[in-house]
Amino acid sequence: MKVHILKALKHTKETNLLRKQNKLKTSRVKIMLCAQ
């Protein structure tokens, strides 16, 4: 049971990191579009 919880926590951390990276990418794209 504990192992399952740890796996779930790790998965949420990874998805949060991916979301942060995606937000950074989209904001960079927006900045580039605005700069043009």
PDB file of N, CA and C in Angstrom:
ATOM      1  N   MET A   1       0.833  -1.205   0.000  1.00  0.00           N
ATOM      2  CA  MET A   1       0.000   0.000   0.000  1.00  0.00           C
ATOM      3  C   MET A   1       0.871   1.259   0.000  1.00  0.00           C
ATOM      4  N   LYS A   2       1.876   1.272   0.858  1.00  0.00           N
ATOM      5  CA  LYS A   2       2.773   2.446   0.920  1.00  0.00           C
ATOM      6  C   LYS A   2       3.465   2.679  -0.421  1.00  0.00           C
ATOM      7  N   VAL A   3       3.886   1.598  -1.050  1.00  0.00           N
ATOM      8  CA  VAL A   3       4.581   1.706  -2.337  1.00  0.00           C
ATOM      9  C   VAL A   3       3.679   2.387  -3.354  1.00  0.00           C
ATOM     10  N   HIS A   4       2.395   2.022  -3.364  1.00  0.00           N
ATOM     11  CA  HIS A   4       1.447   2.604  -4.315  1.00  0.00           C
ATOM     12  C   HIS A   4       1.323   4.107  -4.088  1.00  0.00           C
ATOM     13  N   ILE A   5       1.266   4.521  -2.821  1.00  0.00           N
ATOM     14  CA  ILE A   5       1.155   5.951  -2.494  1.00  0.00           C
ATOM     15  C   ILE A   5       2.398   6.695  -2.965  1.00  0.00           C
ATOM     16  N   LEU A   6       3.574   6.101  -2.727  1.00  0.00           N
ATOM     17  CA  LEU A   6       4.823   6.738  -3.153  1.00  0.00           C
ATOM     18  C   LEU A   6       4.849   6.892  -4.665  1.00  0.00           C
ATOM     19  N   LYS A   7       4.397   5.872  -5.377  1.00  0.00           N
ATOM     20  CA  LYS A   7       4.370   5.941  -6.844  1.00  0.00           C
ATOM     21  C   LYS A   7       3.440   7.058  -7.301  1.00  0.00           C
ATOM     22  N   ALA A   8       2.301   7.171  -6.643  1.00  0.00           N
ATOM     23  CA  ALA A   8       1.334   8.209  -7.003  1.00  0.00           C
ATOM     24  C   ALA A   8       1.930   9.588  -6.756  1.00  0.00           C
ATOM     25  N   LEU A   9       2.627   9.759  -5.631  1.00  0.00           N
ATOM     26  CA  LEU A   9       3.252  11.048  -5.314  1.00  0.00           C
ATOM     27  C   LEU A   9       4.309  11.394  -6.352  1.00  0.00           C
ATOM     28  N   LYS A  10       5.121  10.406  -6.721  1.00  0.00           N
ATOM     29  CA  LYS A  10       6.161  10.637  -7.715  1.00  0.00           C
ATOM     30  C   LYS A  10       5.525  11.035  -9.043  1.00  0.00           C
ATOM     31  N   HIS A  11       4.433  10.379  -9.396  1.00  0.00           N
ATOM     32  CA  HIS A  11       3.756  10.676 -10.661  1.00  0.00           C
ATOM     33  C   HIS A  11       3.223  12.107 -10.662  1.00  0.00           C
ATOM     34  N   THR A  12       2.635  12.530  -9.545  1.00  0.00           N
ATOM     35  CA  THR A  12       2.092  13.896  -9.485  1.00  0.00           C
ATOM     36  C   THR A  12       3.223  14.907  -9.573  1.00  0.00           C
ATOM     37  N   LYS A  13       4.347  14.608  -8.940  1.00  0.00           N
ATOM     38  CA  LYS A  13       5.505  15.519  -9.014  1.00  0.00           C
ATOM     39  C   LYS A  13       5.974  15.653 -10.457  1.00  0.00           C
ATOM     40  N   GLU A  14       6.052  14.522 -11.151  1.00  0.00           N
ATOM     41  CA  GLU A  14       6.511  14.537 -12.547  1.00  0.00           C
ATOM     42  C   GLU A  14       5.547  15.318 -13.426  1.00  0.00           C
ATOM     43  N   THR A  15       4.248  15.122 -13.217  1.00  0.00           N
ATOM     44  CA  THR A  15       3.268  15.836 -14.037  1.00  0.00           C
ATOM     45  C   THR A  15       3.326  17.327 -13.736  1.00  0.00           C
ATOM     46  N   ASN A  16       3.556  17.675 -12.461  1.00  0.00           N
ATOM     47  CA  ASN A  16       3.679  19.095 -12.101  1.00  0.00           C
ATOM     48  C   ASN A  16       4.879  19.719 -12.790  1.00  0.00           C
ATOM     49  N   LEU A  17       5.996  18.989 -12.842  1.00  0.00           N
ATOM     50  CA  LEU A  17       7.192  19.495 -13.519  1.00  0.00           C
ATOM     51  C   LEU A  17       6.907  19.698 -14.998  1.00  0.00           C
ATOM     52  N   LEU A  18       6.215  18.717 -15.601  1.00  0.00           N
ATOM     53  CA  LEU A  18       5.892  18.830 -17.023  1.00  0.00           C
ATOM     54  C   LEU A  18       5.006  20.048 -17.265  1.00  0.00           C
ATOM     55  N   ARG A  19       4.042  20.271 -16.379  1.00  0.00           N
ATOM     56  CA  ARG A  19       3.154  21.427 -16.533  1.00  0.00           C
ATOM     57  C   ARG A  19       3.942  22.723 -16.446  1.00  0.00           C
ATOM     58  N   LYS A  20       4.866  22.788 -15.480  1.00  0.00           N
ATOM     59  CA  LYS A  20       5.700  23.995 -15.335  1.00  0.00           C
ATOM     60  C   LYS A  20       6.513  24.230 -16.603  1.00  0.00           C
ATOM     61  N   GLN A  21       7.101  23.159 -17.137  1.00  0.00           N
ATOM     62  CA  GLN A  21       7.902  23.284 -18.360  1.00  0.00           C
ATOM     63  C   GLN A  21       7.029  23.754 -19.512  1.00  0.00           C
ATOM     64  N   ASN A  22       5.816  23.212 -19.604  1.00  0.00           N
ATOM     65  CA  ASN A  22       4.919  23.611 -20.687  1.00  0.00           C
ATOM     66  C   ASN A  22       4.533  25.083 -20.546  1.00  0.00           C
ATOM     67  N   LYS A  23       4.298  25.523 -19.311  1.00  0.00           N
ATOM     68  CA  LYS A  23       3.956  26.931 -19.082  1.00  0.00           C
ATOM     69  C   LYS A  23       5.108  27.829 -19.514  1.00  0.00           C
ATOM     70  N   LEU A  24       6.329  27.440 -19.169  1.00  0.00           N
ATOM     71  CA  LEU A  24       7.498  28.221 -19.562  1.00  0.00           C
ATOM     72  C   LEU A  24       7.608  28.286 -21.075  1.00  0.00           C
ATOM     73  N   LYS A  25       7.389  27.147 -21.729  1.00  0.00           N
ATOM     74  CA  LYS A  25       7.476  27.104 -23.196  1.00  0.00           C
ATOM     75  C   LYS A  25       6.443  28.019 -23.824  1.00  0.00           C
ATOM     76  N   THR A  26       5.206  27.934 -23.356  1.00  0.00           N
ATOM     77  CA  THR A  26       4.144  28.745 -23.945  1.00  0.00           C
ATOM     78  C   THR A  26       4.400  30.227 -23.701  1.00  0.00           C
ATOM     79  N   SER A  27       4.893  30.565 -22.508  1.00  0.00           N
ATOM     80  CA  SER A  27       5.167  31.979 -22.222  1.00  0.00           C
ATOM     81  C   SER A  27       6.298  32.477 -23.114  1.00  0.00           C
ATOM     82  N   ARG A  28       7.299  31.642 -23.359  1.00  0.00           N
ATOM     83  CA  ARG A  28       8.406  32.029 -24.246  1.00  0.00           C
ATOM     84  C   ARG A  28       7.883  32.249 -25.654  1.00  0.00           C
ATOM     85  N   VAL A  29       7.012  31.382 -26.110  1.00  0.00           N
ATOM     86  CA  VAL A  29       6.444  31.514 -27.457  1.00  0.00           C
ATOM     87  C   VAL A  29       5.657  32.813 -27.545  1.00  0.00           C
ATOM     88  N   LYS A  30       4.867  33.102 -26.516  1.00  0.00           N
ATOM     89  CA  LYS A  30       4.087  34.346 -26.507  1.00  0.00           C
ATOM     90  C   LYS A  30       5.000  35.560 -26.575  1.00  0.00           C
ATOM     91  N   ILE A  31       6.082  35.521 -25.788  1.00  0.00           N
ATOM     92  CA  ILE A  31       7.037  36.640 -25.781  1.00  0.00           C
ATOM     93  C   ILE A  31       7.652  36.810 -27.170  1.00  0.00           C
ATOM     94  N   MET A  32       8.019  35.688 -27.787  1.00  0.00           N
ATOM     95  CA  MET A  32       8.621  35.746 -29.127  1.00  0.00           C
ATOM     96  C   MET A  32       7.619  36.317 -30.134  1.00  0.00           C
ATOM     97  N   LEU A  33       6.356  35.899 -30.022  1.00  0.00           N
ATOM     98  CA  LEU A  33       5.339  36.398 -30.945  1.00  0.00           C
ATOM     99  C   LEU A  33       5.126  37.895 -30.737  1.00  0.00           C
ATOM    100  N   CYS A  34       5.129  38.320 -29.482  1.00  0.00           N
ATOM    101  CA  CYS A  34       4.936  39.746 -29.192  1.00  0.00           C
ATOM    102  C   CYS A  34       6.123  40.571 -29.694  1.00  0.00           C
ATOM    103  N   ALA A  35       7.314  39.995 -29.625  1.00  0.00           N
ATOM    104  CA  ALA A  35       8.524  40.726 -30.008  1.00  0.00           C
ATOM    105  C   ALA A  35       8.576  40.969 -31.512  1.00  0.00           C
ATOM    106  N   GLN A  36       7.962  40.072 -32.278  1.00  0.00           N
ATOM    107  CA  GLN A  36       8.054  40.206 -33.736  1.00  0.00           C
ATOM    108  C   GLN A  36       7.322  41.438 -34.244  1.00  0.00           C
TER     109      GLN A  36
END
